[in-house]
Amino acid sequence: MSDQKQITAQLVNELRKQTGVSLLECKKALVESNGDIEEALTILKKKGMASAAKKADREASEGTIQSYIHMGGRVGVMLELNCETDFVAKNDEFKQLAKDLCMHIAASSPLYVKREDVPGELVEKEKEIAAAQTEGKPPAAAEGIIKGKLDKWFKTICLMEQDYVKDQSQTVQDILTQAISKMGENMMVSRFERYQIGG
């Protein structure tokens, strides 16, 4: 008989309530800590997730607008990155993050900030295309394939889900989460515009 402690839904929910981190990450931390909630809390804090998630519901009404012109003036980006205080908005590290995100947008051409911003009719259209490619497959398998194709599509068009150009092992959301944890304030990309000659 294994001495692995049972990771119950109640335990996962308790950790989530304390940290505001996603259920999946809470479960991973509890598995890693063999069900020890205090140790799981430490694991999440080390990853910077707990403090970042807790700050996510705080209002971010300050910030900066940064721009970036690339490739001899053929591509340009404007971005609004928000934070909670004027103090952080004037911080060089915060401004650099905004510039780096502009460069990422210039290189990766996202269309939306996050998947919730994608119009419903576009999502439905993409679902139909994915469904057409799963004809003849058992319903459960088809559902998984459709979800996988949609996730892949969102990763292509949504800034927060894209692999970060300066470090492909992380997403843009990961980079933002680390900055939130480091600077101690909620931050969010409100909007961006990417311009391209002839585009």
N, C-alpha and C. Protein backbone atom coordinates (compact mmCIF):
# COMPACT_ATOMS: atom_id res chain seq x y z
N MET A 1 0.86 -1.20 0.00
CA MET A 1 0.00 0.00 0.00
C MET A 1 0.90 1.25 0.00
N SER A 2 0.61 2.16 -0.91
CA SER A 2 1.43 3.37 -1.02
C SER A 2 1.12 4.32 0.14
N ASP A 3 2.14 5.06 0.59
CA ASP A 3 1.88 6.03 1.65
C ASP A 3 1.56 7.41 1.08
N GLN A 4 1.32 7.44 -0.26
CA GLN A 4 0.94 8.70 -0.92
C GLN A 4 -0.41 9.17 -0.37
N LYS A 5 -0.44 10.38 0.16
CA LYS A 5 -1.68 10.90 0.72
C LYS A 5 -2.69 11.18 -0.41
N GLN A 6 -3.95 10.88 -0.13
CA GLN A 6 -5.01 11.11 -1.10
C GLN A 6 -5.17 12.62 -1.35
N ILE A 7 -5.07 13.03 -2.61
CA ILE A 7 -5.27 14.44 -2.94
C ILE A 7 -6.75 14.63 -3.26
N THR A 8 -7.50 15.12 -2.31
CA THR A 8 -8.95 15.26 -2.49
C THR A 8 -9.28 16.60 -3.15
N ALA A 9 -10.47 16.65 -3.76
CA ALA A 9 -10.95 17.89 -4.38
C ALA A 9 -11.06 18.99 -3.33
N GLN A 10 -11.42 18.58 -2.11
CA GLN A 10 -11.58 19.53 -1.00
C GLN A 10 -10.23 20.20 -0.67
N LEU A 11 -9.18 19.38 -0.67
CA LEU A 11 -7.83 19.87 -0.40
C LEU A 11 -7.39 20.85 -1.50
N VAL A 12 -7.65 20.47 -2.74
CA VAL A 12 -7.30 21.32 -3.89
C VAL A 12 -8.04 22.65 -3.81
N ASN A 13 -9.35 22.57 -3.50
CA ASN A 13 -10.16 23.79 -3.38
C ASN A 13 -9.68 24.70 -2.25
N GLU A 14 -9.27 24.08 -1.16
CA GLU A 14 -8.77 24.84 0.00
C GLU A 14 -7.52 25.64 -0.39
N LEU A 15 -6.60 24.97 -1.12
CA LEU A 15 -5.37 25.64 -1.57
C LEU A 15 -5.70 26.75 -2.56
N ARG A 16 -6.67 26.49 -3.41
CA ARG A 16 -7.06 27.50 -4.40
C ARG A 16 -7.63 28.73 -3.71
N LYS A 17 -8.45 28.49 -2.68
CA LYS A 17 -9.06 29.59 -1.92
C LYS A 17 -7.97 30.46 -1.29
N GLN A 18 -6.93 29.82 -0.80
CA GLN A 18 -5.84 30.55 -0.14
C GLN A 18 -4.96 31.32 -1.12
N THR A 19 -4.83 30.80 -2.35
CA THR A 19 -3.86 31.38 -3.28
C THR A 19 -4.45 32.07 -4.50
N GLY A 20 -5.64 31.62 -4.94
CA GLY A 20 -6.21 32.17 -6.17
C GLY A 20 -5.60 31.56 -7.42
N VAL A 21 -4.73 30.55 -7.26
CA VAL A 21 -4.08 29.88 -8.39
C VAL A 21 -5.04 28.84 -8.98
N SER A 22 -4.87 28.51 -10.27
CA SER A 22 -5.77 27.56 -10.94
C SER A 22 -5.78 26.20 -10.23
N LEU A 23 -6.91 25.49 -10.37
CA LEU A 23 -7.06 24.17 -9.75
C LEU A 23 -5.96 23.21 -10.18
N LEU A 24 -5.62 23.27 -11.48
CA LEU A 24 -4.59 22.37 -12.02
C LEU A 24 -3.24 22.59 -11.33
N GLU A 25 -2.85 23.86 -11.20
CA GLU A 25 -1.57 24.17 -10.56
C GLU A 25 -1.59 23.81 -9.07
N CYS A 26 -2.77 24.02 -8.42
CA CYS A 26 -2.91 23.65 -7.00
C CYS A 26 -2.74 22.14 -6.84
N LYS A 27 -3.37 21.37 -7.74
CA LYS A 27 -3.28 19.91 -7.65
C LYS A 27 -1.83 19.46 -7.86
N LYS A 28 -1.16 20.05 -8.86
CA LYS A 28 0.25 19.71 -9.13
C LYS A 28 1.11 19.94 -7.88
N ALA A 29 0.90 21.10 -7.24
CA ALA A 29 1.69 21.45 -6.05
C ALA A 29 1.39 20.49 -4.90
N LEU A 30 0.12 20.07 -4.76
CA LEU A 30 -0.25 19.13 -3.70
C LEU A 30 0.33 17.74 -3.95
N VAL A 31 0.35 17.33 -5.21
CA VAL A 31 0.95 16.03 -5.56
C VAL A 31 2.45 16.07 -5.22
N GLU A 32 3.08 17.19 -5.60
CA GLU A 32 4.52 17.37 -5.35
C GLU A 32 4.83 17.36 -3.85
N SER A 33 3.90 17.91 -3.04
CA SER A 33 4.14 18.01 -1.59
C SER A 33 3.51 16.84 -0.82
N ASN A 34 3.02 15.84 -1.57
CA ASN A 34 2.38 14.66 -0.96
C ASN A 34 1.23 15.07 -0.03
N GLY A 35 0.44 16.03 -0.52
CA GLY A 35 -0.77 16.42 0.21
C GLY A 35 -0.56 17.39 1.36
N ASP A 36 0.67 17.87 1.54
CA ASP A 36 0.95 18.82 2.62
C ASP A 36 0.64 20.23 2.11
N ILE A 37 -0.44 20.81 2.65
CA ILE A 37 -0.93 22.10 2.12
C ILE A 37 0.06 23.24 2.35
N GLU A 38 0.77 23.22 3.49
CA GLU A 38 1.76 24.27 3.77
C GLU A 38 2.92 24.21 2.77
N GLU A 39 3.37 22.99 2.53
CA GLU A 39 4.48 22.81 1.59
C GLU A 39 4.03 23.17 0.17
N ALA A 40 2.78 22.82 -0.17
CA ALA A 40 2.23 23.15 -1.50
C ALA A 40 2.19 24.66 -1.68
N LEU A 41 1.84 25.36 -0.60
CA LEU A 41 1.80 26.83 -0.61
C LEU A 41 3.19 27.39 -0.91
N THR A 42 4.19 26.80 -0.27
CA THR A 42 5.58 27.22 -0.49
C THR A 42 6.00 26.98 -1.94
N ILE A 43 5.62 25.82 -2.48
CA ILE A 43 5.95 25.48 -3.88
C ILE A 43 5.37 26.54 -4.82
N LEU A 44 4.09 26.89 -4.61
CA LEU A 44 3.43 27.88 -5.46
C LEU A 44 4.07 29.26 -5.30
N LYS A 45 4.45 29.60 -4.07
CA LYS A 45 5.08 30.91 -3.83
C LYS A 45 6.43 30.99 -4.54
N LYS A 46 7.17 29.86 -4.50
CA LYS A 46 8.47 29.82 -5.17
C LYS A 46 8.30 30.05 -6.66
N LYS A 47 7.22 29.52 -7.21
CA LYS A 47 6.96 29.69 -8.64
C LYS A 47 6.40 31.08 -8.93
N GLY A 48 6.08 31.82 -7.87
CA GLY A 48 5.55 33.17 -8.05
C GLY A 48 4.08 33.20 -8.41
N MET A 49 3.43 32.03 -8.37
CA MET A 49 2.04 31.96 -8.82
C MET A 49 1.06 32.48 -7.77
N ALA A 50 1.27 32.10 -6.52
CA ALA A 50 0.29 32.44 -5.48
C ALA A 50 0.10 33.94 -5.37
N SER A 51 1.21 34.68 -5.24
CA SER A 51 1.07 36.12 -5.06
C SER A 51 0.52 36.79 -6.31
N ALA A 52 0.91 36.29 -7.49
CA ALA A 52 0.43 36.89 -8.74
C ALA A 52 -1.07 36.70 -8.90
N ALA A 53 -1.56 35.49 -8.62
CA ALA A 53 -2.98 35.22 -8.78
C ALA A 53 -3.81 36.02 -7.79
N LYS A 54 -3.31 36.19 -6.58
CA LYS A 54 -4.02 36.97 -5.57
C LYS A 54 -4.20 38.42 -6.01
N LYS A 55 -3.23 38.91 -6.79
CA LYS A 55 -3.27 40.32 -7.21
C LYS A 55 -4.13 40.51 -8.45
N ALA A 56 -4.51 39.43 -9.11
CA ALA A 56 -5.19 39.52 -10.39
C ALA A 56 -6.54 40.23 -10.34
N ASP A 57 -7.18 40.26 -9.17
CA ASP A 57 -8.49 40.93 -9.12
C ASP A 57 -8.39 42.38 -8.64
N ARG A 58 -7.16 42.86 -8.44
CA ARG A 58 -7.00 44.25 -8.02
C ARG A 58 -7.00 45.15 -9.26
N GLU A 59 -7.54 46.34 -9.10
CA GLU A 59 -7.69 47.24 -10.24
C GLU A 59 -6.35 47.77 -10.73
N ALA A 60 -6.16 47.70 -12.04
CA ALA A 60 -4.93 48.20 -12.65
C ALA A 60 -5.30 49.39 -13.52
N SER A 61 -5.28 50.60 -12.91
CA SER A 61 -5.74 51.78 -13.64
C SER A 61 -4.61 52.75 -14.00
N GLU A 62 -3.39 52.41 -13.60
CA GLU A 62 -2.22 53.19 -14.02
C GLU A 62 -1.52 52.41 -15.14
N GLY A 63 -0.41 52.91 -15.61
CA GLY A 63 0.30 52.13 -16.63
C GLY A 63 1.10 52.99 -17.59
N THR A 64 1.41 52.39 -18.73
CA THR A 64 2.22 53.07 -19.74
C THR A 64 1.75 52.67 -21.13
N ILE A 65 1.96 53.58 -22.06
CA ILE A 65 1.74 53.24 -23.48
C ILE A 65 3.11 53.27 -24.12
N GLN A 66 3.48 52.17 -24.73
CA GLN A 66 4.78 52.07 -25.39
C GLN A 66 4.58 51.76 -26.87
N SER A 67 5.57 52.16 -27.65
CA SER A 67 5.50 51.84 -29.08
C SER A 67 6.84 51.26 -29.53
N TYR A 68 6.78 50.58 -30.65
CA TYR A 68 7.99 49.96 -31.19
C TYR A 68 7.88 49.94 -32.72
N ILE A 69 8.91 50.41 -33.38
CA ILE A 69 8.93 50.38 -34.85
C ILE A 69 10.02 49.41 -35.27
N HIS A 70 9.66 48.50 -36.16
CA HIS A 70 10.56 47.41 -36.54
C HIS A 70 10.78 47.39 -38.06
N MET A 71 11.85 46.74 -38.47
CA MET A 71 12.12 46.48 -39.89
C MET A 71 12.06 47.73 -40.77
N GLY A 72 12.88 48.70 -40.44
CA GLY A 72 12.97 49.90 -41.28
C GLY A 72 11.64 50.60 -41.47
N GLY A 73 10.82 50.58 -40.41
CA GLY A 73 9.56 51.31 -40.47
C GLY A 73 8.43 50.58 -41.16
N ARG A 74 8.57 49.29 -41.39
CA ARG A 74 7.50 48.54 -42.07
C ARG A 74 6.49 47.93 -41.10
N VAL A 75 6.90 47.75 -39.84
CA VAL A 75 5.99 47.21 -38.83
C VAL A 75 6.06 48.09 -37.58
N GLY A 76 4.91 48.44 -37.04
CA GLY A 76 4.86 49.26 -35.83
C GLY A 76 3.84 48.70 -34.85
N VAL A 77 4.12 48.86 -33.56
CA VAL A 77 3.20 48.36 -32.52
C VAL A 77 3.00 49.43 -31.46
N MET A 78 1.77 49.59 -31.00
CA MET A 78 1.46 50.41 -29.82
C MET A 78 0.76 49.52 -28.82
N LEU A 79 1.15 49.65 -27.55
CA LEU A 79 0.62 48.76 -26.53
C LEU A 79 0.31 49.53 -25.26
N GLU A 80 -0.80 49.18 -24.60
CA GLU A 80 -1.12 49.75 -23.29
C GLU A 80 -0.96 48.65 -22.25
N LEU A 81 0.00 48.84 -21.34
CA LEU A 81 0.24 47.90 -20.25
C LEU A 81 -0.14 48.61 -18.96
N ASN A 82 -1.06 48.01 -18.19
CA ASN A 82 -1.55 48.64 -16.97
C ASN A 82 -0.97 48.02 -15.71
N CYS A 83 -0.91 48.83 -14.67
CA CYS A 83 -0.50 48.39 -13.34
C CYS A 83 -1.37 49.15 -12.33
N GLU A 84 -1.09 48.98 -11.05
CA GLU A 84 -1.95 49.59 -10.02
C GLU A 84 -1.53 51.00 -9.61
N THR A 85 -0.23 51.28 -9.61
CA THR A 85 0.23 52.58 -9.09
C THR A 85 1.13 53.31 -10.07
N ASP A 86 1.15 54.61 -9.90
CA ASP A 86 2.00 55.49 -10.69
C ASP A 86 3.47 55.15 -10.45
N PHE A 87 3.78 54.72 -9.22
CA PHE A 87 5.15 54.37 -8.84
C PHE A 87 5.70 53.26 -9.75
N VAL A 88 4.91 52.18 -9.93
CA VAL A 88 5.35 51.08 -10.81
C VAL A 88 5.31 51.51 -12.27
N ALA A 89 4.31 52.33 -12.64
CA ALA A 89 4.19 52.79 -14.03
C ALA A 89 5.44 53.53 -14.49
N LYS A 90 6.11 54.20 -13.53
CA LYS A 90 7.33 54.97 -13.87
C LYS A 90 8.60 54.14 -13.74
N ASN A 91 8.45 52.90 -13.27
CA ASN A 91 9.58 52.01 -13.05
C ASN A 91 10.17 51.57 -14.40
N ASP A 92 11.50 51.64 -14.51
CA ASP A 92 12.17 51.29 -15.78
C ASP A 92 11.92 49.84 -16.18
N GLU A 93 11.86 48.96 -15.17
CA GLU A 93 11.65 47.54 -15.46
C GLU A 93 10.26 47.31 -16.06
N PHE A 94 9.28 48.04 -15.55
CA PHE A 94 7.91 47.95 -16.06
C PHE A 94 7.85 48.46 -17.51
N LYS A 95 8.51 49.59 -17.75
CA LYS A 95 8.54 50.16 -19.11
C LYS A 95 9.25 49.21 -20.07
N GLN A 96 10.31 48.58 -19.59
CA GLN A 96 11.06 47.63 -20.43
C GLN A 96 10.19 46.43 -20.78
N LEU A 97 9.39 45.98 -19.80
CA LEU A 97 8.47 44.87 -20.06
C LEU A 97 7.50 45.25 -21.18
N ALA A 98 6.96 46.47 -21.11
CA ALA A 98 6.03 46.94 -22.14
C ALA A 98 6.72 46.97 -23.52
N LYS A 99 7.98 47.42 -23.54
CA LYS A 99 8.73 47.46 -24.81
C LYS A 99 8.96 46.05 -25.35
N ASP A 100 9.35 45.15 -24.44
CA ASP A 100 9.58 43.75 -24.84
C ASP A 100 8.31 43.12 -25.42
N LEU A 101 7.16 43.46 -24.80
CA LEU A 101 5.89 42.92 -25.30
C LEU A 101 5.57 43.50 -26.68
N CYS A 102 5.92 44.77 -26.89
CA CYS A 102 5.74 45.38 -28.22
C CYS A 102 6.56 44.64 -29.26
N MET A 103 7.81 44.33 -28.92
CA MET A 103 8.69 43.60 -29.84
C MET A 103 8.12 42.21 -30.14
N HIS A 104 7.58 41.57 -29.08
CA HIS A 104 6.98 40.25 -29.26
C HIS A 104 5.81 40.34 -30.24
N ILE A 105 4.96 41.35 -30.07
CA ILE A 105 3.78 41.52 -30.93
C ILE A 105 4.21 41.77 -32.37
N ALA A 106 5.27 42.58 -32.55
CA ALA A 106 5.79 42.85 -33.91
C ALA A 106 6.22 41.54 -34.58
N ALA A 107 6.86 40.68 -33.80
CA ALA A 107 7.38 39.42 -34.36
C ALA A 107 6.31 38.34 -34.52
N SER A 108 5.35 38.28 -33.58
CA SER A 108 4.42 37.13 -33.55
C SER A 108 3.01 37.42 -34.05
N SER A 109 2.70 38.67 -34.35
CA SER A 109 1.41 39.05 -34.94
C SER A 109 0.16 38.49 -34.26
N PRO A 110 0.01 38.60 -32.94
CA PRO A 110 -1.24 38.14 -32.34
C PRO A 110 -2.39 39.04 -32.79
N LEU A 111 -3.62 38.54 -32.69
CA LEU A 111 -4.78 39.33 -33.10
C LEU A 111 -5.58 39.83 -31.89
N TYR A 112 -5.48 39.10 -30.78
CA TYR A 112 -6.26 39.44 -29.58
C TYR A 112 -5.36 39.31 -28.35
N VAL A 113 -5.76 39.94 -27.24
CA VAL A 113 -4.98 39.84 -26.01
C VAL A 113 -5.16 38.45 -25.40
N LYS A 114 -6.42 38.02 -25.20
CA LYS A 114 -6.69 36.71 -24.60
C LYS A 114 -7.87 36.05 -25.30
N ARG A 115 -8.08 34.75 -25.04
CA ARG A 115 -9.11 34.02 -25.78
C ARG A 115 -10.52 34.56 -25.55
N GLU A 116 -10.76 35.17 -24.37
CA GLU A 116 -12.08 35.74 -24.09
C GLU A 116 -12.41 36.91 -25.02
N ASP A 117 -11.38 37.49 -25.64
CA ASP A 117 -11.58 38.64 -26.55
C ASP A 117 -11.94 38.21 -27.97
N VAL A 118 -11.77 36.93 -28.28
CA VAL A 118 -12.03 36.46 -29.64
C VAL A 118 -13.55 36.40 -29.86
N PRO A 119 -14.05 37.04 -30.94
CA PRO A 119 -15.50 37.03 -31.19
C PRO A 119 -16.05 35.61 -31.30
N GLY A 120 -17.23 35.40 -30.68
CA GLY A 120 -17.88 34.09 -30.65
C GLY A 120 -18.06 33.46 -32.02
N GLU A 121 -18.40 34.30 -33.02
CA GLU A 121 -18.65 33.74 -34.37
C GLU A 121 -17.38 33.17 -34.99
N LEU A 122 -16.22 33.78 -34.65
CA LEU A 122 -14.94 33.26 -35.16
C LEU A 122 -14.63 31.91 -34.52
N VAL A 123 -14.90 31.81 -33.20
CA VAL A 123 -14.66 30.56 -32.48
C VAL A 123 -15.54 29.45 -33.05
N GLU A 124 -16.82 29.78 -33.30
CA GLU A 124 -17.76 28.80 -33.86
C GLU A 124 -17.28 28.32 -35.23
N LYS A 125 -16.83 29.26 -36.05
CA LYS A 125 -16.34 28.92 -37.40
C LYS A 125 -15.15 27.96 -37.30
N GLU A 126 -14.24 28.26 -36.38
CA GLU A 126 -13.05 27.42 -36.18
C GLU A 126 -13.45 26.03 -35.69
N LYS A 127 -14.48 25.99 -34.80
CA LYS A 127 -14.99 24.72 -34.29
C LYS A 127 -15.54 23.87 -35.43
N GLU A 128 -16.29 24.53 -36.33
CA GLU A 128 -16.87 23.82 -37.49
C GLU A 128 -15.78 23.23 -38.37
N ILE A 129 -14.72 24.01 -38.61
CA ILE A 129 -13.60 23.52 -39.43
C ILE A 129 -12.97 22.30 -38.77
N ALA A 130 -12.72 22.40 -37.45
CA ALA A 130 -12.12 21.30 -36.70
C ALA A 130 -13.03 20.08 -36.70
N ALA A 131 -14.34 20.31 -36.54
CA ALA A 131 -15.32 19.21 -36.52
C ALA A 131 -15.35 18.48 -37.85
N ALA A 132 -15.24 19.24 -38.93
CA ALA A 132 -15.26 18.64 -40.28
C ALA A 132 -14.06 17.71 -40.48
N GLN A 133 -12.98 18.01 -39.78
CA GLN A 133 -11.76 17.19 -39.92
C GLN A 133 -11.79 15.94 -39.04
N THR A 134 -12.84 15.81 -38.22
CA THR A 134 -12.91 14.64 -37.33
C THR A 134 -14.05 13.69 -37.71
N GLU A 135 -14.60 13.90 -38.91
CA GLU A 135 -15.71 13.03 -39.35
C GLU A 135 -15.31 11.57 -39.31
N GLY A 136 -16.26 10.74 -38.83
CA GLY A 136 -16.01 9.30 -38.77
C GLY A 136 -15.30 8.85 -37.50
N LYS A 137 -14.84 9.82 -36.70
CA LYS A 137 -14.17 9.46 -35.44
C LYS A 137 -15.23 9.28 -34.34
N PRO A 138 -14.96 8.43 -33.33
CA PRO A 138 -15.91 8.30 -32.21
C PRO A 138 -16.10 9.65 -31.53
N PRO A 139 -17.34 9.94 -31.04
CA PRO A 139 -17.62 11.27 -30.46
C PRO A 139 -16.62 11.74 -29.41
N ALA A 140 -16.23 10.85 -28.48
CA ALA A 140 -15.30 11.25 -27.42
C ALA A 140 -13.94 11.65 -28.00
N ALA A 141 -13.47 10.88 -28.97
CA ALA A 141 -12.18 11.18 -29.61
C ALA A 141 -12.28 12.49 -30.40
N ALA A 142 -13.41 12.65 -31.10
CA ALA A 142 -13.62 13.86 -31.90
C ALA A 142 -13.60 15.10 -31.02
N GLU A 143 -14.24 14.98 -29.86
CA GLU A 143 -14.30 16.11 -28.92
C GLU A 143 -12.90 16.53 -28.48
N GLY A 144 -12.07 15.52 -28.17
CA GLY A 144 -10.70 15.80 -27.76
C GLY A 144 -9.88 16.44 -28.86
N ILE A 145 -10.09 15.96 -30.09
CA ILE A 145 -9.35 16.50 -31.25
C ILE A 145 -9.77 17.95 -31.49
N ILE A 146 -11.08 18.21 -31.42
CA ILE A 146 -11.60 19.57 -31.64
C ILE A 146 -11.02 20.53 -30.59
N LYS A 147 -11.03 20.09 -29.33
CA LYS A 147 -10.49 20.93 -28.24
C LYS A 147 -9.01 21.22 -28.49
N GLY A 148 -8.27 20.18 -28.88
CA GLY A 148 -6.83 20.34 -29.15
C GLY A 148 -6.57 21.32 -30.28
N LYS A 149 -7.38 21.22 -31.34
CA LYS A 149 -7.21 22.12 -32.49
C LYS A 149 -7.55 23.56 -32.11
N LEU A 150 -8.61 23.72 -31.30
CA LEU A 150 -8.99 25.06 -30.85
C LEU A 150 -7.90 25.68 -29.96
N ASP A 151 -7.37 24.87 -29.03
CA ASP A 151 -6.30 25.36 -28.15
C ASP A 151 -5.09 25.83 -28.96
N LYS A 152 -4.77 25.06 -30.00
CA LYS A 152 -3.64 25.38 -30.87
C LYS A 152 -3.90 26.70 -31.61
N TRP A 153 -5.14 26.86 -32.05
CA TRP A 153 -5.55 28.07 -32.77
C TRP A 153 -5.48 29.29 -31.84
N PHE A 154 -6.00 29.15 -30.61
CA PHE A 154 -5.95 30.24 -29.64
C PHE A 154 -4.49 30.63 -29.36
N LYS A 155 -3.62 29.63 -29.29
CA LYS A 155 -2.19 29.87 -29.00
C LYS A 155 -1.55 30.67 -30.13
N THR A 156 -2.09 30.56 -31.33
CA THR A 156 -1.56 31.30 -32.47
C THR A 156 -2.02 32.74 -32.47
N ILE A 157 -3.29 32.98 -32.09
CA ILE A 157 -3.85 34.32 -32.26
C ILE A 157 -3.95 35.16 -30.98
N CYS A 158 -3.79 34.52 -29.81
CA CYS A 158 -3.93 35.26 -28.54
C CYS A 158 -2.58 35.54 -27.91
N LEU A 159 -2.30 36.81 -27.69
CA LEU A 159 -1.02 37.25 -27.14
C LEU A 159 -0.61 36.48 -25.88
N MET A 160 -1.53 36.37 -24.91
CA MET A 160 -1.19 35.76 -23.62
C MET A 160 -0.79 34.29 -23.73
N GLU A 161 -1.27 33.61 -24.77
CA GLU A 161 -1.00 32.16 -24.91
C GLU A 161 0.18 31.86 -25.82
N GLN A 162 0.69 32.89 -26.49
CA GLN A 162 1.81 32.65 -27.42
C GLN A 162 3.10 32.35 -26.65
N ASP A 163 3.98 31.55 -27.29
CA ASP A 163 5.31 31.34 -26.73
C ASP A 163 6.07 32.66 -26.85
N TYR A 164 6.70 33.06 -25.76
CA TYR A 164 7.39 34.35 -25.72
C TYR A 164 8.62 34.30 -26.62
N VAL A 165 8.77 35.30 -27.51
CA VAL A 165 9.85 35.24 -28.50
C VAL A 165 11.25 35.19 -27.89
N LYS A 166 11.44 35.82 -26.72
CA LYS A 166 12.77 35.83 -26.11
C LYS A 166 13.06 34.56 -25.32
N ASP A 167 12.04 33.78 -25.04
CA ASP A 167 12.21 32.52 -24.30
C ASP A 167 11.03 31.60 -24.63
N GLN A 168 11.25 30.77 -25.65
CA GLN A 168 10.16 29.92 -26.18
C GLN A 168 9.63 28.90 -25.18
N SER A 169 10.36 28.71 -24.05
CA SER A 169 9.89 27.73 -23.06
C SER A 169 8.78 28.32 -22.18
N GLN A 170 8.52 29.62 -22.35
CA GLN A 170 7.49 30.28 -21.54
C GLN A 170 6.49 31.00 -22.43
N THR A 171 5.27 31.16 -21.92
CA THR A 171 4.27 31.93 -22.66
C THR A 171 4.37 33.39 -22.22
N VAL A 172 3.69 34.26 -22.95
CA VAL A 172 3.65 35.68 -22.57
C VAL A 172 2.99 35.81 -21.19
N GLN A 173 1.96 34.98 -20.93
CA GLN A 173 1.30 35.02 -19.62
C GLN A 173 2.29 34.68 -18.50
N ASP A 174 3.17 33.69 -18.74
CA ASP A 174 4.19 33.33 -17.74
C ASP A 174 5.09 34.52 -17.43
N ILE A 175 5.49 35.24 -18.47
CA ILE A 175 6.37 36.40 -18.31
C ILE A 175 5.67 37.48 -17.48
N LEU A 176 4.39 37.70 -17.79
CA LEU A 176 3.61 38.71 -17.06
C LEU A 176 3.42 38.29 -15.60
N THR A 177 3.14 37.01 -15.37
CA THR A 177 2.96 36.48 -14.02
C THR A 177 4.22 36.69 -13.19
N GLN A 178 5.38 36.44 -13.79
CA GLN A 178 6.65 36.64 -13.08
C GLN A 178 6.85 38.12 -12.72
N ALA A 179 6.47 39.00 -13.65
CA ALA A 179 6.63 40.44 -13.40
C ALA A 179 5.70 40.89 -12.27
N ILE A 180 4.48 40.36 -12.25
CA ILE A 180 3.50 40.68 -11.19
C ILE A 180 4.06 40.26 -9.84
N SER A 181 4.61 39.05 -9.82
CA SER A 181 5.17 38.51 -8.58
C SER A 181 6.36 39.34 -8.11
N LYS A 182 7.20 39.75 -9.05
CA LYS A 182 8.41 40.50 -8.72
C LYS A 182 8.11 41.93 -8.28
N MET A 183 7.20 42.60 -9.01
CA MET A 183 6.93 44.01 -8.72
C MET A 183 5.79 44.22 -7.73
N GLY A 184 5.07 43.13 -7.42
CA GLY A 184 4.06 43.18 -6.36
C GLY A 184 2.77 43.90 -6.70
N GLU A 185 2.48 44.02 -8.01
CA GLU A 185 1.22 44.66 -8.41
C GLU A 185 0.56 43.86 -9.53
N ASN A 186 -0.76 43.98 -9.60
CA ASN A 186 -1.47 43.40 -10.73
C ASN A 186 -1.07 44.17 -11.99
N MET A 187 -0.91 43.44 -13.09
CA MET A 187 -0.59 44.06 -14.38
C MET A 187 -1.41 43.37 -15.45
N MET A 188 -1.76 44.13 -16.46
CA MET A 188 -2.50 43.52 -17.57
C MET A 188 -2.28 44.30 -18.85
N VAL A 189 -2.29 43.57 -19.96
CA VAL A 189 -2.25 44.23 -21.26
C VAL A 189 -3.70 44.56 -21.59
N SER A 190 -4.02 45.84 -21.74
CA SER A 190 -5.39 46.25 -22.05
C SER A 190 -5.67 46.11 -23.53
N ARG A 191 -4.72 46.59 -24.33
CA ARG A 191 -4.94 46.57 -25.79
C ARG A 191 -3.63 46.81 -26.50
N PHE A 192 -3.64 46.48 -27.77
CA PHE A 192 -2.49 46.76 -28.61
C PHE A 192 -2.96 46.93 -30.05
N GLU A 193 -2.13 47.59 -30.83
CA GLU A 193 -2.38 47.70 -32.27
C GLU A 193 -1.08 47.36 -32.97
N ARG A 194 -1.18 46.55 -34.01
CA ARG A 194 0.00 46.23 -34.81
C ARG A 194 -0.25 46.72 -36.23
N TYR A 195 0.64 47.55 -36.70
CA TYR A 195 0.50 48.12 -38.05
C TYR A 195 1.58 47.52 -38.94
N GLN A 196 1.21 47.23 -40.17
CA GLN A 196 2.20 46.71 -41.12
C GLN A 196 1.93 47.33 -42.48
N ILE A 197 2.98 47.80 -43.13
CA ILE A 197 2.82 48.40 -44.46
C ILE A 197 2.16 47.37 -45.38
N GLY A 198 1.09 47.79 -45.99
CA GLY A 198 0.38 46.91 -46.93
C GLY A 198 -0.40 45.82 -46.24
N GLY A 199 -0.46 45.84 -44.89
CA GLY A 199 -1.12 44.76 -44.16
C GLY A 199 -2.52 45.13 -43.72
